[in-house]
Amino acid sequence: MKFLIAGAGAIGAYVGACMARAGIDVTLFARGPHLKAMQEHGVRLRSQEGDFEARPRMIGSLEEAGPMDVLILGVKAHSLPQLAPQLKPVLGPETTVVSTQNGIPWWYFQGIGGPWEGLRLERIDPEGVISAAIEARRVVGSIVYFSTEISEPGVIEHTEGNRISLGEPDGTRSDRCRRIAEALVASGLRCPITTHIREEIWVKILGNASFNPVSALTRATLVQMVRDPGTAELIRNIMLEVESVSRKLGLELPVSIEQRMAGAEKVGEHKTSMLQDVEAGRPMELEALVGSVVELGERLGLALPHTRMVYSCAKLLNRNSLATLQATKSS
């Protein structure tokens, strides 16, 4: 199988390096100084499990890739509307597209049936550009459970975890999921196949919609937020509101809020991806992780006061941070 990882940032480059080390045919698409560093020195991975370097094929234009068997979308959700229309050169008749984006994915309501069939969230898929570029039949959902960061161009810091769950949106156990999972397992990753991908998505959103924006506002790690009584109460209230949205959709989550809080505390002094973005001067994944929940709550007639309040504050922070960065670049 031929794999392409479109968006070889912290997550994509980590997965690609592991696959290349295992001898799997994988191509990484990236741009800028990160691409140049990887082309010159390979992907340099730093991890407590052992450092290594890998040299997968690197490209800076999707026109160079040719049709692929599997396309893994490694960009963050807010970058996908720009990337999706460019994917045509790599999509063969049977190319499978694996989404790794956090939050409510653009495909979530495609094939769901019932009153929400075909619902499109504007904050995720503005004007339907993603769903127009990627047919629903191609999609395999995935959820990433590891922490990585680009410490400098071409260098990936792996903090913890190595699991990627795969699942068909219709809940079946397909041959294509099995083949993709086998390749990822051969690369040293854990890759269970779930028949409940939508439920797992909401379990992750439970933490992403609460810990991420609060951490950006407070600059606190996971364990600091859980152990601070006032902050922990706010996070629990957001989780309750997220849970109310999932229940309105007919889902019962397999993990309780207290289990989710305990799991975050065990991770320890970890900075969420949103906090990492703020500190690095990057746009936050705010719409995918929080805005999408707020928009869906509006569609379902749910108020979500705590979620909306934190969302509004985080939007202002994001706007001011980006304005400061732009001013610094212009001076």
C-alpha atoms as a PDB file:
ATOM      1  CA  MET A   1       0.000   0.000   0.000  1.00  0.00           C
ATOM      2  CA  LYS A   2       1.137   3.528  -0.803  1.00  0.00           C
ATOM      3  CA  PHE A   3       0.533   6.080   1.949  1.00  0.00           C
ATOM      4  CA  LEU A   4       0.590   9.861   1.777  1.00  0.00           C
ATOM      5  CA  ILE A   5       0.529  12.007   4.901  1.00  0.00           C
ATOM      6  CA  ALA A   6      -0.764  15.423   3.861  1.00  0.00           C
ATOM      7  CA  GLY A   7       0.343  17.775   6.581  1.00  0.00           C
ATOM      8  CA  ALA A   8       3.518  16.343   8.091  1.00  0.00           C
ATOM      9  CA  GLY A   9       3.542  18.467  11.218  1.00  0.00           C
ATOM     10  CA  ALA A  10       4.014  17.123  14.728  1.00  0.00           C
ATOM     11  CA  ILE A  11       1.519  14.263  14.337  1.00  0.00           C
ATOM     12  CA  GLY A  12       2.007  13.528  10.649  1.00  0.00           C
ATOM     13  CA  ALA A  13       5.807  13.542  10.753  1.00  0.00           C
ATOM     14  CA  TYR A  14       5.809  11.284  13.816  1.00  0.00           C
ATOM     15  CA  VAL A  15       3.562   8.726  12.113  1.00  0.00           C
ATOM     16  CA  GLY A  16       5.480   9.034   8.857  1.00  0.00           C
ATOM     17  CA  ALA A  17       8.835   8.532  10.559  1.00  0.00           C
ATOM     18  CA  CYS A  18       7.580   5.393  12.293  1.00  0.00           C
ATOM     19  CA  MET A  19       6.202   4.034   9.018  1.00  0.00           C
ATOM     20  CA  ALA A  20       9.388   4.811   7.076  1.00  0.00           C
ATOM     21  CA  ARG A  21      11.515   3.123   9.734  1.00  0.00           C
ATOM     22  CA  ALA A  22       9.366   0.001   9.249  1.00  0.00           C
ATOM     23  CA  GLY A  23       9.965   0.048   5.484  1.00  0.00           C
ATOM     24  CA  ILE A  24       6.441   1.098   4.521  1.00  0.00           C
ATOM     25  CA  ASP A  25       5.927   3.122   1.334  1.00  0.00           C
ATOM     26  CA  VAL A  26       5.044   6.528   2.783  1.00  0.00           C
ATOM     27  CA  THR A  27       5.321  10.060   1.416  1.00  0.00           C
ATOM     28  CA  LEU A  28       5.199  13.205   3.560  1.00  0.00           C
ATOM     29  CA  PHE A  29       3.754  16.478   2.266  1.00  0.00           C
ATOM     30  CA  ALA A  30       4.901  19.625   4.071  1.00  0.00           C
ATOM     31  CA  ARG A  31       6.047  23.162   3.360  1.00  0.00           C
ATOM     32  CA  GLY A  32       8.419  25.870   4.535  1.00  0.00           C
ATOM     33  CA  PRO A  33      11.448  25.482   6.813  1.00  0.00           C
ATOM     34  CA  HIS A  34      10.053  22.231   8.271  1.00  0.00           C
ATOM     35  CA  LEU A  35      10.012  20.596   4.821  1.00  0.00           C
ATOM     36  CA  LYS A  36      13.489  21.913   3.987  1.00  0.00           C
ATOM     37  CA  ALA A  37      14.918  20.538   7.241  1.00  0.00           C
ATOM     38  CA  MET A  38      13.315  17.127   6.701  1.00  0.00           C
ATOM     39  CA  GLN A  39      14.573  16.985   3.115  1.00  0.00           C
ATOM     40  CA  GLU A  40      18.116  17.768   4.265  1.00  0.00           C
ATOM     41  CA  HIS A  41      18.305  15.763   7.490  1.00  0.00           C
ATOM     42  CA  GLY A  42      15.294  13.437   7.504  1.00  0.00           C
ATOM     43  CA  VAL A  43      12.713  13.388  10.283  1.00  0.00           C
ATOM     44  CA  ARG A  44      14.560  13.488  13.613  1.00  0.00           C
ATOM     45  CA  LEU A  45      12.438  11.978  16.356  1.00  0.00           C
ATOM     46  CA  ARG A  46      13.219  12.531  20.025  1.00  0.00           C
ATOM     47  CA  SER A  47      11.418  10.252  22.473  1.00  0.00           C
ATOM     48  CA  GLN A  48      11.868   8.587  25.846  1.00  0.00           C
ATOM     49  CA  GLU A  49      11.370   5.354  23.939  1.00  0.00           C
ATOM     50  CA  GLY A  50      14.503   6.070  21.896  1.00  0.00           C
ATOM     51  CA  ASP A  51      15.646   8.660  19.365  1.00  0.00           C
ATOM     52  CA  PHE A  52      15.911   7.876  15.664  1.00  0.00           C
ATOM     53  CA  GLU A  53      16.014   9.457  12.231  1.00  0.00           C
ATOM     54  CA  ALA A  54      13.957   8.392   9.231  1.00  0.00           C
ATOM     55  CA  ARG A  55      13.994   9.454   5.596  1.00  0.00           C
ATOM     56  CA  PRO A  56      10.596   8.959   3.977  1.00  0.00           C
ATOM     57  CA  ARG A  57       9.927  10.553   0.604  1.00  0.00           C
ATOM     58  CA  MET A  58       9.286  14.291   1.070  1.00  0.00           C
ATOM     59  CA  ILE A  59       7.301  16.534  -1.250  1.00  0.00           C
ATOM     60  CA  GLY A  60       6.312  20.187  -1.215  1.00  0.00           C
ATOM     61  CA  SER A  61       3.627  19.919  -3.908  1.00  0.00           C
ATOM     62  CA  LEU A  62       0.766  17.430  -4.129  1.00  0.00           C
ATOM     63  CA  GLU A  63       1.248  17.340  -7.904  1.00  0.00           C
ATOM     64  CA  GLU A  64       4.443  15.336  -7.244  1.00  0.00           C
ATOM     65  CA  ALA A  65       2.686  12.579  -5.330  1.00  0.00           C
ATOM     66  CA  GLY A  66       0.467  10.764  -7.807  1.00  0.00           C
ATOM     67  CA  PRO A  67      -2.574   8.699  -6.768  1.00  0.00           C
ATOM     68  CA  MET A  68      -2.270   7.005  -3.375  1.00  0.00           C
ATOM     69  CA  ASP A  69      -3.916   4.016  -1.728  1.00  0.00           C
ATOM     70  CA  VAL A  70      -4.285   5.786   1.613  1.00  0.00           C
ATOM     71  CA  LEU A  71      -4.268   9.507   2.317  1.00  0.00           C
ATOM     72  CA  ILE A  72      -3.808  10.474   5.973  1.00  0.00           C
ATOM     73  CA  LEU A  73      -4.881  14.049   6.665  1.00  0.00           C
ATOM     74  CA  GLY A  74      -2.359  15.354   9.170  1.00  0.00           C
ATOM     75  CA  VAL A  75      -3.264  19.057   9.171  1.00  0.00           C
ATOM     76  CA  LYS A  76      -5.258  20.689  11.946  1.00  0.00           C
ATOM     77  CA  ALA A  77      -8.959  21.174  11.333  1.00  0.00           C
ATOM     78  CA  HIS A  78      -8.730  24.906  10.575  1.00  0.00           C
ATOM     79  CA  SER A  79      -6.243  24.193   7.741  1.00  0.00           C
ATOM     80  CA  LEU A  80      -8.366  21.515   6.073  1.00  0.00           C
ATOM     81  CA  PRO A  81     -10.727  23.817   4.119  1.00  0.00           C
ATOM     82  CA  GLN A  82      -7.677  25.239   2.330  1.00  0.00           C
ATOM     83  CA  LEU A  83      -6.033  21.836   1.763  1.00  0.00           C
ATOM     84  CA  ALA A  84      -9.053  19.786   0.670  1.00  0.00           C
ATOM     85  CA  PRO A  85      -9.552  21.364  -2.794  1.00  0.00           C
ATOM     86  CA  GLN A  86      -5.873  20.651  -3.572  1.00  0.00           C
ATOM     87  CA  LEU A  87      -6.166  16.882  -3.000  1.00  0.00           C
ATOM     88  CA  LYS A  88      -7.472  15.872  -6.429  1.00  0.00           C
ATOM     89  CA  PRO A  89      -4.059  14.719  -7.807  1.00  0.00           C
ATOM     90  CA  VAL A  90      -3.638  12.113  -5.037  1.00  0.00           C
ATOM     91  CA  LEU A  91      -7.177  10.715  -5.058  1.00  0.00           C
ATOM     92  CA  GLY A  92      -7.425   7.592  -7.181  1.00  0.00           C
ATOM     93  CA  PRO A  93     -10.708   5.718  -7.716  1.00  0.00           C
ATOM     94  CA  GLU A  94     -10.320   3.744  -4.467  1.00  0.00           C
ATOM     95  CA  THR A  95      -8.146   6.029  -2.325  1.00  0.00           C
ATOM     96  CA  THR A  96      -9.088   5.852   1.350  1.00  0.00           C
ATOM     97  CA  VAL A  97      -8.918   9.111   3.329  1.00  0.00           C
ATOM     98  CA  VAL A  98      -8.109   8.884   7.035  1.00  0.00           C
ATOM     99  CA  SER A  99      -9.113  11.948   9.039  1.00  0.00           C
ATOM    100  CA  THR A 100      -7.080  12.689  12.167  1.00  0.00           C
ATOM    101  CA  GLN A 101      -8.579  16.087  13.024  1.00  0.00           C
ATOM    102  CA  ASN A 102      -9.718  16.854  16.555  1.00  0.00           C
ATOM    103  CA  GLY A 103     -13.233  17.997  17.347  1.00  0.00           C
ATOM    104  CA  ILE A 104     -16.358  17.170  15.353  1.00  0.00           C
ATOM    105  CA  PRO A 105     -15.070  16.041  11.925  1.00  0.00           C
ATOM    106  CA  TRP A 106     -16.605  17.397   8.724  1.00  0.00           C
ATOM    107  CA  TRP A 107     -17.948  13.925   7.820  1.00  0.00           C
ATOM    108  CA  TYR A 108     -19.668  13.281  11.162  1.00  0.00           C
ATOM    109  CA  PHE A 109     -23.256  13.704   9.912  1.00  0.00           C
ATOM    110  CA  GLN A 110     -22.733  12.022   6.535  1.00  0.00           C
ATOM    111  CA  GLY A 111     -24.463   8.636   6.606  1.00  0.00           C
ATOM    112  CA  ILE A 112     -25.610   9.061  10.202  1.00  0.00           C
ATOM    113  CA  GLY A 113     -29.284   8.729   9.280  1.00  0.00           C
ATOM    114  CA  GLY A 114     -32.205  10.215  11.163  1.00  0.00           C
ATOM    115  CA  PRO A 115     -33.018  13.910  11.560  1.00  0.00           C
ATOM    116  CA  TRP A 116     -29.373  15.038  11.536  1.00  0.00           C
ATOM    117  CA  GLU A 117     -28.384  13.324   8.272  1.00  0.00           C
ATOM    118  CA  GLY A 118     -26.227  15.617   6.130  1.00  0.00           C
ATOM    119  CA  LEU A 119     -25.964  18.378   8.737  1.00  0.00           C
ATOM    120  CA  ARG A 120     -22.982  20.625   7.972  1.00  0.00           C
ATOM    121  CA  LEU A 121     -21.274  22.766  10.594  1.00  0.00           C
ATOM    122  CA  GLU A 122     -20.125  26.054   9.097  1.00  0.00           C
ATOM    123  CA  ARG A 123     -17.298  26.420  11.624  1.00  0.00           C
ATOM    124  CA  ILE A 124     -15.835  23.083  10.458  1.00  0.00           C
ATOM    125  CA  ASP A 125     -16.686  22.929   6.753  1.00  0.00           C
ATOM    126  CA  PRO A 126     -17.298  26.501   5.562  1.00  0.00           C
ATOM    127  CA  GLU A 127     -19.480  26.537   2.441  1.00  0.00           C
ATOM    128  CA  GLY A 128     -19.023  22.758   2.192  1.00  0.00           C
ATOM    129  CA  VAL A 129     -15.579  22.929   0.590  1.00  0.00           C
ATOM    130  CA  ILE A 130     -14.258  19.828   2.402  1.00  0.00           C
ATOM    131  CA  SER A 131     -17.248  17.582   1.742  1.00  0.00           C
ATOM    132  CA  ALA A 132     -17.229  18.691  -1.907  1.00  0.00           C
ATOM    133  CA  ALA A 133     -13.567  17.643  -2.282  1.00  0.00           C
ATOM    134  CA  ILE A 134     -13.656  14.364  -0.305  1.00  0.00           C
ATOM    135  CA  GLU A 135     -16.466  11.918  -1.017  1.00  0.00           C
ATOM    136  CA  ALA A 136     -18.054  10.388   2.074  1.00  0.00           C
ATOM    137  CA  ARG A 137     -17.377   6.841   0.800  1.00  0.00           C
ATOM    138  CA  ARG A 138     -13.624   7.428   1.057  1.00  0.00           C
ATOM    139  CA  VAL A 139     -13.562   8.346   4.737  1.00  0.00           C
ATOM    140  CA  VAL A 140     -12.202   6.303   7.626  1.00  0.00           C
ATOM    141  CA  GLY A 141     -12.322   8.052  10.969  1.00  0.00           C
ATOM    142  CA  SER A 142      -9.415   8.040  13.387  1.00  0.00           C
ATOM    143  CA  ILE A 143      -8.620   9.410  16.818  1.00  0.00           C
ATOM    144  CA  VAL A 144      -5.046  10.184  17.828  1.00  0.00           C
ATOM    145  CA  TYR A 145      -3.941   9.446  21.386  1.00  0.00           C
ATOM    146  CA  PHE A 146      -0.365  10.653  21.610  1.00  0.00           C
ATOM    147  CA  SER A 147       1.450  13.908  22.283  1.00  0.00           C
ATOM    148  CA  THR A 148       4.033  15.305  19.880  1.00  0.00           C
ATOM    149  CA  GLU A 149       5.468  18.731  19.154  1.00  0.00           C
ATOM    150  CA  ILE A 150       7.808  20.294  16.584  1.00  0.00           C
ATOM    151  CA  SER A 151      10.680  21.541  18.746  1.00  0.00           C
ATOM    152  CA  GLU A 152      12.496  22.947  15.700  1.00  0.00           C
ATOM    153  CA  PRO A 153      12.104  22.431  11.941  1.00  0.00           C
ATOM    154  CA  GLY A 154      12.520  18.733  11.155  1.00  0.00           C
ATOM    155  CA  VAL A 155      12.667  17.679  14.826  1.00  0.00           C
ATOM    156  CA  ILE A 156       9.696  15.997  16.514  1.00  0.00           C
ATOM    157  CA  GLU A 157       9.455  15.653  20.285  1.00  0.00           C
ATOM    158  CA  HIS A 158       7.326  12.674  21.283  1.00  0.00           C
ATOM    159  CA  THR A 159       6.055  13.053  24.859  1.00  0.00           C
ATOM    160  CA  GLU A 160       3.744  10.100  25.429  1.00  0.00           C
ATOM    161  CA  GLY A 161       1.327   7.639  23.827  1.00  0.00           C
ATOM    162  CA  ASN A 162       1.341   5.785  20.507  1.00  0.00           C
ATOM    163  CA  ARG A 163      -2.307   4.849  19.839  1.00  0.00           C
ATOM    164  CA  ILE A 164      -4.464   5.681  16.838  1.00  0.00           C
ATOM    165  CA  SER A 165      -7.996   4.273  16.838  1.00  0.00           C
ATOM    166  CA  LEU A 166      -9.536   3.601  13.416  1.00  0.00           C
ATOM    167  CA  GLY A 167     -13.219   3.209  12.645  1.00  0.00           C
ATOM    168  CA  GLU A 168     -15.640   3.124   9.755  1.00  0.00           C
ATOM    169  CA  PRO A 169     -18.345   5.777  10.102  1.00  0.00           C
ATOM    170  CA  ASP A 170     -20.978   3.049   9.607  1.00  0.00           C
ATOM    171  CA  GLY A 171     -19.551   0.941  12.433  1.00  0.00           C
ATOM    172  CA  THR A 172     -18.467  -2.030  10.304  1.00  0.00           C
ATOM    173  CA  ARG A 173     -15.123  -3.843  10.475  1.00  0.00           C
ATOM    174  CA  SER A 174     -13.833  -3.329   6.947  1.00  0.00           C
ATOM    175  CA  ASP A 175     -10.898  -4.853   5.097  1.00  0.00           C
ATOM    176  CA  ARG A 176      -9.477  -1.406   4.415  1.00  0.00           C
ATOM    177  CA  CYS A 177      -9.429  -0.576   8.141  1.00  0.00           C
ATOM    178  CA  ARG A 178      -7.718  -3.888   8.835  1.00  0.00           C
ATOM    179  CA  ARG A 179      -5.016  -3.274   6.193  1.00  0.00           C
ATOM    180  CA  ILE A 180      -4.328   0.268   7.397  1.00  0.00           C
ATOM    181  CA  ALA A 181      -4.196  -0.922  11.013  1.00  0.00           C
ATOM    182  CA  GLU A 182      -1.746  -3.698  10.092  1.00  0.00           C
ATOM    183  CA  ALA A 183       0.597  -1.127   8.503  1.00  0.00           C
ATOM    184  CA  LEU A 184       0.431   1.146  11.553  1.00  0.00           C
ATOM    185  CA  VAL A 185       0.978  -1.750  13.957  1.00  0.00           C
ATOM    186  CA  ALA A 186       3.978  -2.847  11.885  1.00  0.00           C
ATOM    187  CA  SER A 187       5.290   0.702  12.408  1.00  0.00           C
ATOM    188  CA  GLY A 188       5.262   0.256  16.180  1.00  0.00           C
ATOM    189  CA  LEU A 189       1.973   2.049  16.822  1.00  0.00           C
ATOM    190  CA  ARG A 190      -1.096   0.715  18.597  1.00  0.00           C
ATOM    191  CA  CYS A 191      -4.056   0.758  16.234  1.00  0.00           C
ATOM    192  CA  PRO A 192      -7.295  -0.749  17.543  1.00  0.00           C
ATOM    193  CA  ILE A 193     -10.313  -0.815  15.230  1.00  0.00           C
ATOM    194  CA  THR A 194     -13.473   0.484  16.841  1.00  0.00           C
ATOM    195  CA  THR A 195     -17.069  -0.069  15.776  1.00  0.00           C
ATOM    196  CA  HIS A 196     -18.104   2.995  17.814  1.00  0.00           C
ATOM    197  CA  ILE A 197     -16.008   5.786  16.294  1.00  0.00           C
ATOM    198  CA  ARG A 198     -18.645   8.468  16.917  1.00  0.00           C
ATOM    199  CA  GLU A 199     -18.816   7.682  20.639  1.00  0.00           C
ATOM    200  CA  GLU A 200     -15.014   7.767  20.879  1.00  0.00           C
ATOM    201  CA  ILE A 201     -14.967  11.128  19.125  1.00  0.00           C
ATOM    202  CA  TRP A 202     -17.243  12.568  21.814  1.00  0.00           C
ATOM    203  CA  VAL A 203     -15.137  11.115  24.620  1.00  0.00           C
ATOM    204  CA  LYS A 204     -12.162  13.015  23.239  1.00  0.00           C
ATOM    205  CA  ILE A 205     -14.238  16.168  22.669  1.00  0.00           C
ATOM    206  CA  LEU A 206     -15.215  15.975  26.345  1.00  0.00           C
ATOM    207  CA  GLY A 207     -11.618  16.841  27.212  1.00  0.00           C
ATOM    208  CA  ASN A 208     -10.735  18.924  24.157  1.00  0.00           C
ATOM    209  CA  ALA A 209     -13.621  21.374  24.551  1.00  0.00           C
ATOM    210  CA  SER A 210     -12.834  21.935  28.219  1.00  0.00           C
ATOM    211  CA  PHE A 211      -9.134  21.468  29.008  1.00  0.00           C
ATOM    212  CA  ASN A 212      -7.841  23.034  25.798  1.00  0.00           C
ATOM    213  CA  PRO A 213      -9.402  26.506  25.937  1.00  0.00           C
ATOM    214  CA  VAL A 214      -9.067  26.758  29.725  1.00  0.00           C
ATOM    215  CA  SER A 215      -5.379  25.871  29.481  1.00  0.00           C
ATOM    216  CA  ALA A 216      -4.866  28.559  26.822  1.00  0.00           C
ATOM    217  CA  LEU A 217      -6.510  31.140  29.088  1.00  0.00           C
ATOM    218  CA  THR A 218      -4.694  30.084  32.280  1.00  0.00           C
ATOM    219  CA  ARG A 219      -1.393  28.775  30.832  1.00  0.00           C
ATOM    220  CA  ALA A 220      -1.890  25.741  33.098  1.00  0.00           C
ATOM    221  CA  THR A 221      -0.986  22.091  32.530  1.00  0.00           C
ATOM    222  CA  LEU A 222      -3.517  19.277  32.815  1.00  0.00           C
ATOM    223  CA  VAL A 223      -2.606  18.343  36.375  1.00  0.00           C
ATOM    224  CA  GLN A 224      -2.652  21.991  37.483  1.00  0.00           C
ATOM    225  CA  MET A 225      -6.164  22.480  36.129  1.00  0.00           C
ATOM    226  CA  VAL A 226      -7.523  19.304  37.723  1.00  0.00           C
ATOM    227  CA  ARG A 227      -6.029  20.137  41.125  1.00  0.00           C
ATOM    228  CA  ASP A 228      -7.232  23.731  41.222  1.00  0.00           C
ATOM    229  CA  PRO A 229     -10.767  23.581  42.728  1.00  0.00           C
ATOM    230  CA  GLY A 230     -12.266  26.554  40.889  1.00  0.00           C
ATOM    231  CA  THR A 231     -10.792  25.620  37.523  1.00  0.00           C
ATOM    232  CA  ALA A 232     -11.778  21.974  37.958  1.00  0.00           C
ATOM    233  CA  GLU A 233     -15.378  23.041  38.660  1.00  0.00           C
ATOM    234  CA  LEU A 234     -15.464  25.080  35.446  1.00  0.00           C
ATOM    235  CA  ILE A 235     -14.076  22.166  33.455  1.00  0.00           C
ATOM    236  CA  ARG A 236     -16.662  19.781  34.918  1.00  0.00           C
ATOM    237  CA  ASN A 237     -19.448  22.202  33.966  1.00  0.00           C
ATOM    238  CA  ILE A 238     -18.179  22.397  30.384  1.00  0.00           C
ATOM    239  CA  MET A 239     -17.981  18.608  30.265  1.00  0.00           C
ATOM    240  CA  LEU A 240     -21.583  18.366  31.483  1.00  0.00           C
ATOM    241  CA  GLU A 241     -22.653  20.650  28.650  1.00  0.00           C
ATOM    242  CA  VAL A 242     -20.677  18.660  26.067  1.00  0.00           C
ATOM    243  CA  GLU A 243     -22.273  15.494  27.422  1.00  0.00           C
ATOM    244  CA  SER A 244     -25.724  17.077  26.989  1.00  0.00           C
ATOM    245  CA  VAL A 245     -24.973  17.655  23.293  1.00  0.00           C
ATOM    246  CA  SER A 246     -23.890  14.039  22.758  1.00  0.00           C
ATOM    247  CA  ARG A 247     -26.998  12.778  24.542  1.00  0.00           C
ATOM    248  CA  LYS A 248     -29.219  14.943  22.356  1.00  0.00           C
ATOM    249  CA  LEU A 249     -27.652  13.088  19.422  1.00  0.00           C
ATOM    250  CA  GLY A 250     -28.596   9.774  21.045  1.00  0.00           C
ATOM    251  CA  LEU A 251     -25.147   8.792  22.344  1.00  0.00           C
ATOM    252  CA  GLU A 252     -24.262   7.453  25.781  1.00  0.00           C
ATOM    253  CA  LEU A 253     -20.572   8.013  26.451  1.00  0.00           C
ATOM    254  CA  PRO A 254     -18.642   5.020  27.837  1.00  0.00           C
ATOM    255  CA  VAL A 255     -16.523   7.224  30.134  1.00  0.00           C
ATOM    256  CA  SER A 256     -17.754   9.334  33.040  1.00  0.00           C
ATOM    257  CA  ILE A 257     -16.657  12.916  33.661  1.00  0.00           C
ATOM    258  CA  GLU A 258     -14.786  11.859  36.805  1.00  0.00           C
ATOM    259  CA  GLN A 259     -12.934   9.179  34.846  1.00  0.00           C
ATOM    260  CA  ARG A 260     -12.002  11.805  32.245  1.00  0.00           C
ATOM    261  CA  MET A 261     -10.729  14.148  34.978  1.00  0.00           C
ATOM    262  CA  ALA A 262      -8.715  11.358  36.617  1.00  0.00           C
ATOM    263  CA  GLY A 263      -7.195  10.405  33.263  1.00  0.00           C
ATOM    264  CA  ALA A 264      -6.070  13.978  32.656  1.00  0.00           C
ATOM    265  CA  GLU A 265      -4.480  14.155  36.103  1.00  0.00           C
ATOM    266  CA  LYS A 266      -2.490  10.989  35.379  1.00  0.00           C
ATOM    267  CA  VAL A 267      -1.004  12.566  32.244  1.00  0.00           C
ATOM    268  CA  GLY A 268       0.594  15.132  34.560  1.00  0.00           C
ATOM    269  CA  GLU A 269       2.454  18.300  33.596  1.00  0.00           C
ATOM    270  CA  HIS A 270       1.331  18.217  29.986  1.00  0.00           C
ATOM    271  CA  LYS A 271       0.488  21.309  27.951  1.00  0.00           C
ATOM    272  CA  THR A 272      -2.544  20.935  25.723  1.00  0.00           C
ATOM    273  CA  SER A 273      -2.182  21.461  21.977  1.00  0.00           C
ATOM    274  CA  MET A 274      -4.070  24.752  22.250  1.00  0.00           C
ATOM    275  CA  LEU A 275      -1.691  26.080  24.891  1.00  0.00           C
ATOM    276  CA  GLN A 276       1.250  24.996  22.736  1.00  0.00           C
ATOM    277  CA  ASP A 277      -0.279  26.955  19.843  1.00  0.00           C
ATOM    278  CA  VAL A 278      -0.670  30.108  21.960  1.00  0.00           C
ATOM    279  CA  GLU A 279       2.914  29.922  23.177  1.00  0.00           C
ATOM    280  CA  ALA A 280       4.205  29.372  19.634  1.00  0.00           C
ATOM    281  CA  GLY A 281       2.108  32.210  18.162  1.00  0.00           C
ATOM    282  CA  ARG A 282       0.034  29.849  16.018  1.00  0.00           C
ATOM    283  CA  PRO A 283      -3.737  30.000  15.446  1.00  0.00           C
ATOM    284  CA  MET A 284      -5.596  27.890  17.984  1.00  0.00           C
ATOM    285  CA  GLU A 285      -7.790  24.950  16.970  1.00  0.00           C
ATOM    286  CA  LEU A 286     -10.626  26.828  18.589  1.00  0.00           C
ATOM    287  CA  GLU A 287     -13.441  26.349  16.093  1.00  0.00           C
ATOM    288  CA  ALA A 288     -12.894  22.598  15.742  1.00  0.00           C
ATOM    289  CA  LEU A 289     -12.600  21.917  19.458  1.00  0.00           C
ATOM    290  CA  VAL A 290     -15.064  24.401  20.939  1.00  0.00           C
ATOM    291  CA  GLY A 291     -16.807  26.466  18.259  1.00  0.00           C
ATOM    292  CA  SER A 292     -18.217  23.359  16.613  1.00  0.00           C
ATOM    293  CA  VAL A 293     -19.773  22.257  19.919  1.00  0.00           C
ATOM    294  CA  VAL A 294     -21.275  25.728  20.424  1.00  0.00           C
ATOM    295  CA  GLU A 295     -22.672  25.737  16.870  1.00  0.00           C
ATOM    296  CA  LEU A 296     -24.125  22.265  17.278  1.00  0.00           C
ATOM    297  CA  GLY A 297     -25.627  23.244  20.631  1.00  0.00           C
ATOM    298  CA  GLU A 298     -27.348  26.168  18.902  1.00  0.00           C
ATOM    299  CA  ARG A 299     -28.761  23.809  16.262  1.00  0.00           C
ATOM    300  CA  LEU A 300     -30.041  21.475  18.989  1.00  0.00           C
ATOM    301  CA  GLY A 301     -31.512  24.226  21.162  1.00  0.00           C
ATOM    302  CA  LEU A 302     -29.007  23.874  24.028  1.00  0.00           C
ATOM    303  CA  ALA A 303     -27.676  26.949  25.849  1.00  0.00           C
ATOM    304  CA  LEU A 304     -24.191  25.732  26.940  1.00  0.00           C
ATOM    305  CA  PRO A 305     -23.429  28.859  29.036  1.00  0.00           C
ATOM    306  CA  HIS A 306     -20.048  27.754  30.449  1.00  0.00           C
ATOM    307  CA  THR A 307     -18.793  26.516  27.079  1.00  0.00           C
ATOM    308  CA  ARG A 308     -19.901  29.707  25.328  1.00  0.00           C
ATOM    309  CA  MET A 309     -18.255  31.928  27.946  1.00  0.00           C
ATOM    310  CA  VAL A 310     -14.888  30.182  27.710  1.00  0.00           C
ATOM    311  CA  TYR A 311     -15.186  30.064  23.909  1.00  0.00           C
ATOM    312  CA  SER A 312     -15.731  33.842  23.752  1.00  0.00           C
ATOM    313  CA  CYS A 313     -12.738  34.546  25.988  1.00  0.00           C
ATOM    314  CA  ALA A 314     -10.511  32.171  24.019  1.00  0.00           C
ATOM    315  CA  LYS A 315     -11.595  33.780  20.726  1.00  0.00           C
ATOM    316  CA  LEU A 316     -10.485  37.165  22.020  1.00  0.00           C
ATOM    317  CA  LEU A 317      -7.180  35.695  23.203  1.00  0.00           C
ATOM    318  CA  ASN A 318      -6.615  34.084  19.809  1.00  0.00           C
ATOM    319  CA  ARG A 319      -7.422  37.309  17.968  1.00  0.00           C
ATOM    320  CA  ASN A 320      -5.126  39.404  20.160  1.00  0.00           C
ATOM    321  CA  SER A 321      -2.297  36.871  20.026  1.00  0.00           C
ATOM    322  CA  LEU A 322      -2.364  36.735  16.239  1.00  0.00           C
ATOM    323  CA  ALA A 323      -2.562  40.537  15.999  1.00  0.00           C
ATOM    324  CA  THR A 324       0.493  40.858  18.237  1.00  0.00           C
ATOM    325  CA  LEU A 325       2.368  38.319  16.129  1.00  0.00           C
ATOM    326  CA  GLN A 326       1.460  40.160  12.923  1.00  0.00           C
ATOM    327  CA  ALA A 327       2.578  43.471  14.396  1.00  0.00           C
ATOM    328  CA  THR A 328       5.883  41.922  15.442  1.00  0.00           C
ATOM    329  CA  LYS A 329       6.466  40.582  11.925  1.00  0.00           C
ATOM    330  CA  SER A 330       5.652  43.950  10.373  1.00  0.00           C
ATOM    331  CA  SER A 331       7.998  45.943  12.619  1.00  0.00           C
END
